[in-house]
Amino acid sequence: MEEVKLSRIDDTFERLEYPVEADAAASELEDVTLLLADGERNLGELIERSTSDRFASADDLETELHNVLPREAVGEPYQSEGEG
């Protein structure tokens, strides 16, 4: 089981060959634990939640990951989103 922080996820995504089908990416990353601000999640399971069928690049996959993550998982507590 590999553990990776969200801030270092690009290195993990770069290992895949693109374009990649969503289910193939989920399968490839099912043994990776993503360490988040509010705990940890299985990376493969997160990718399975994606609404995309395939990813053209590591950037596409990272963008989609952020779309399926709960807001509290990404930021530090009380972190401003720039409003005010």
C-alpha atoms as a PDB file:
ATOM      1  CA  MET A   1       0.000   0.000   0.000  1.00  0.00           C
ATOM      2  CA  GLU A   2       1.415   3.335  -1.084  1.00  0.00           C
ATOM      3  CA  GLU A   3       0.562   6.596   0.683  1.00  0.00           C
ATOM      4  CA  VAL A   4       0.700   9.944  -1.082  1.00  0.00           C
ATOM      5  CA  LYS A   5      -0.183  13.485  -0.051  1.00  0.00           C
ATOM      6  CA  LEU A   6      -2.579  15.449  -2.239  1.00  0.00           C
ATOM      7  CA  SER A   7       0.165  18.012  -2.879  1.00  0.00           C
ATOM      8  CA  ARG A   8       2.340  15.231  -4.385  1.00  0.00           C
ATOM      9  CA  ILE A   9      -0.376  13.489  -6.415  1.00  0.00           C
ATOM     10  CA  ASP A  10       1.013  14.664  -9.762  1.00  0.00           C
ATOM     11  CA  ASP A  11       3.984  12.291  -9.402  1.00  0.00           C
ATOM     12  CA  THR A  12       1.580   9.373  -8.941  1.00  0.00           C
ATOM     13  CA  PHE A  13      -0.579  10.383 -11.907  1.00  0.00           C
ATOM     14  CA  GLU A  14       2.486  10.780 -14.155  1.00  0.00           C
ATOM     15  CA  ARG A  15       3.088   7.008 -13.896  1.00  0.00           C
ATOM     16  CA  LEU A  16      -0.039   6.261 -15.929  1.00  0.00           C
ATOM     17  CA  GLU A  17      -0.080   6.176 -19.722  1.00  0.00           C
ATOM     18  CA  TYR A  18      -2.468   8.709 -21.272  1.00  0.00           C
ATOM     19  CA  PRO A  19      -5.082   8.759 -22.525  1.00  0.00           C
ATOM     20  CA  VAL A  20      -6.390   6.336 -19.903  1.00  0.00           C
ATOM     21  CA  GLU A  21      -9.875   4.962 -19.314  1.00  0.00           C
ATOM     22  CA  ALA A  22     -11.337   5.922 -15.928  1.00  0.00           C
ATOM     23  CA  ASP A  23     -11.821   2.312 -14.812  1.00  0.00           C
ATOM     24  CA  ALA A  24      -8.245   1.441 -15.798  1.00  0.00           C
ATOM     25  CA  ALA A  25      -6.918   4.417 -13.812  1.00  0.00           C
ATOM     26  CA  ALA A  26      -9.037   3.435 -10.802  1.00  0.00           C
ATOM     27  CA  SER A  27      -7.754  -0.133 -10.998  1.00  0.00           C
ATOM     28  CA  GLU A  28      -4.132   1.000 -11.364  1.00  0.00           C
ATOM     29  CA  LEU A  29      -4.415   3.296  -8.330  1.00  0.00           C
ATOM     30  CA  GLU A  30      -6.524   1.085  -6.032  1.00  0.00           C
ATOM     31  CA  ASP A  31      -3.502   0.372  -3.805  1.00  0.00           C
ATOM     32  CA  VAL A  32      -2.762   4.078  -3.221  1.00  0.00           C
ATOM     33  CA  THR A  33      -3.941   5.828  -0.054  1.00  0.00           C
ATOM     34  CA  LEU A  34      -4.432   9.569  -0.499  1.00  0.00           C
ATOM     35  CA  LEU A  35      -3.545  11.561   2.623  1.00  0.00           C
ATOM     36  CA  LEU A  36      -5.875  14.543   3.065  1.00  0.00           C
ATOM     37  CA  ALA A  37      -6.459  17.376   5.532  1.00  0.00           C
ATOM     38  CA  ASP A  38      -9.356  15.440   7.096  1.00  0.00           C
ATOM     39  CA  GLY A  39      -7.990  11.902   6.927  1.00  0.00           C
ATOM     40  CA  GLU A  40      -7.265   9.483   4.127  1.00  0.00           C
ATOM     41  CA  ARG A  41      -9.108   8.012   1.157  1.00  0.00           C
ATOM     42  CA  ASN A  42      -8.476   5.231  -1.337  1.00  0.00           C
ATOM     43  CA  LEU A  43      -7.372   6.896  -4.575  1.00  0.00           C
ATOM     44  CA  GLY A  44      -8.869   4.218  -6.810  1.00  0.00           C
ATOM     45  CA  GLU A  45     -12.274   4.576  -5.136  1.00  0.00           C
ATOM     46  CA  LEU A  46     -12.176   8.347  -5.589  1.00  0.00           C
ATOM     47  CA  ILE A  47     -11.444   7.978  -9.289  1.00  0.00           C
ATOM     48  CA  GLU A  48     -14.350   5.525  -9.604  1.00  0.00           C
ATOM     49  CA  ARG A  49     -16.662   8.357  -8.463  1.00  0.00           C
ATOM     50  CA  SER A  50     -15.611  10.457 -11.435  1.00  0.00           C
ATOM     51  CA  THR A  51     -18.168  11.282 -14.105  1.00  0.00           C
ATOM     52  CA  SER A  52     -15.460  11.139 -16.794  1.00  0.00           C
ATOM     53  CA  ASP A  53     -14.955   7.995 -18.867  1.00  0.00           C
ATOM     54  CA  ARG A  54     -11.334   8.742 -19.727  1.00  0.00           C
ATOM     55  CA  PHE A  55      -8.557  11.186 -18.980  1.00  0.00           C
ATOM     56  CA  ALA A  56      -6.355  12.758 -21.646  1.00  0.00           C
ATOM     57  CA  SER A  57      -3.568  13.755 -19.243  1.00  0.00           C
ATOM     58  CA  ALA A  58      -2.395  13.763 -15.644  1.00  0.00           C
ATOM     59  CA  ASP A  59      -3.778  17.310 -15.354  1.00  0.00           C
ATOM     60  CA  ASP A  60      -7.231  16.071 -16.434  1.00  0.00           C
ATOM     61  CA  LEU A  61      -7.114  13.348 -13.822  1.00  0.00           C
ATOM     62  CA  GLU A  62      -5.991  15.748 -11.083  1.00  0.00           C
ATOM     63  CA  THR A  63      -8.763  18.215 -11.964  1.00  0.00           C
ATOM     64  CA  GLU A  64     -11.357  15.444 -11.788  1.00  0.00           C
ATOM     65  CA  LEU A  65      -9.967  14.257  -8.455  1.00  0.00           C
ATOM     66  CA  HIS A  66     -10.506  17.725  -6.994  1.00  0.00           C
ATOM     67  CA  ASN A  67     -14.085  17.622  -8.306  1.00  0.00           C
ATOM     68  CA  VAL A  68     -14.894  14.435  -6.369  1.00  0.00           C
ATOM     69  CA  LEU A  69     -13.112  15.353  -3.129  1.00  0.00           C
ATOM     70  CA  PRO A  70     -15.187  16.857  -0.329  1.00  0.00           C
ATOM     71  CA  ARG A  71     -14.268  20.509   0.213  1.00  0.00           C
ATOM     72  CA  GLU A  72     -13.095  19.875   3.783  1.00  0.00           C
ATOM     73  CA  ALA A  73     -10.650  17.228   2.569  1.00  0.00           C
ATOM     74  CA  VAL A  74      -8.639  19.680   0.495  1.00  0.00           C
ATOM     75  CA  GLY A  75      -7.977  22.811   2.540  1.00  0.00           C
ATOM     76  CA  GLU A  76      -6.736  23.686   5.945  1.00  0.00           C
ATOM     77  CA  PRO A  77      -9.437  24.394   8.531  1.00  0.00           C
ATOM     78  CA  TYR A  78     -10.619  28.011   8.440  1.00  0.00           C
ATOM     79  CA  GLN A  79      -8.718  28.652   5.221  1.00  0.00           C
ATOM     80  CA  SER A  80     -10.194  31.573   3.304  1.00  0.00           C
ATOM     81  CA  GLU A  81     -11.419  31.018  -0.235  1.00  0.00           C
ATOM     82  CA  GLY A  82     -10.560  34.650  -1.002  1.00  0.00           C
ATOM     83  CA  GLU A  83     -13.882  36.211  -0.098  1.00  0.00           C
ATOM     84  CA  GLY A  84     -14.090  39.287   2.018  1.00  0.00           C
END
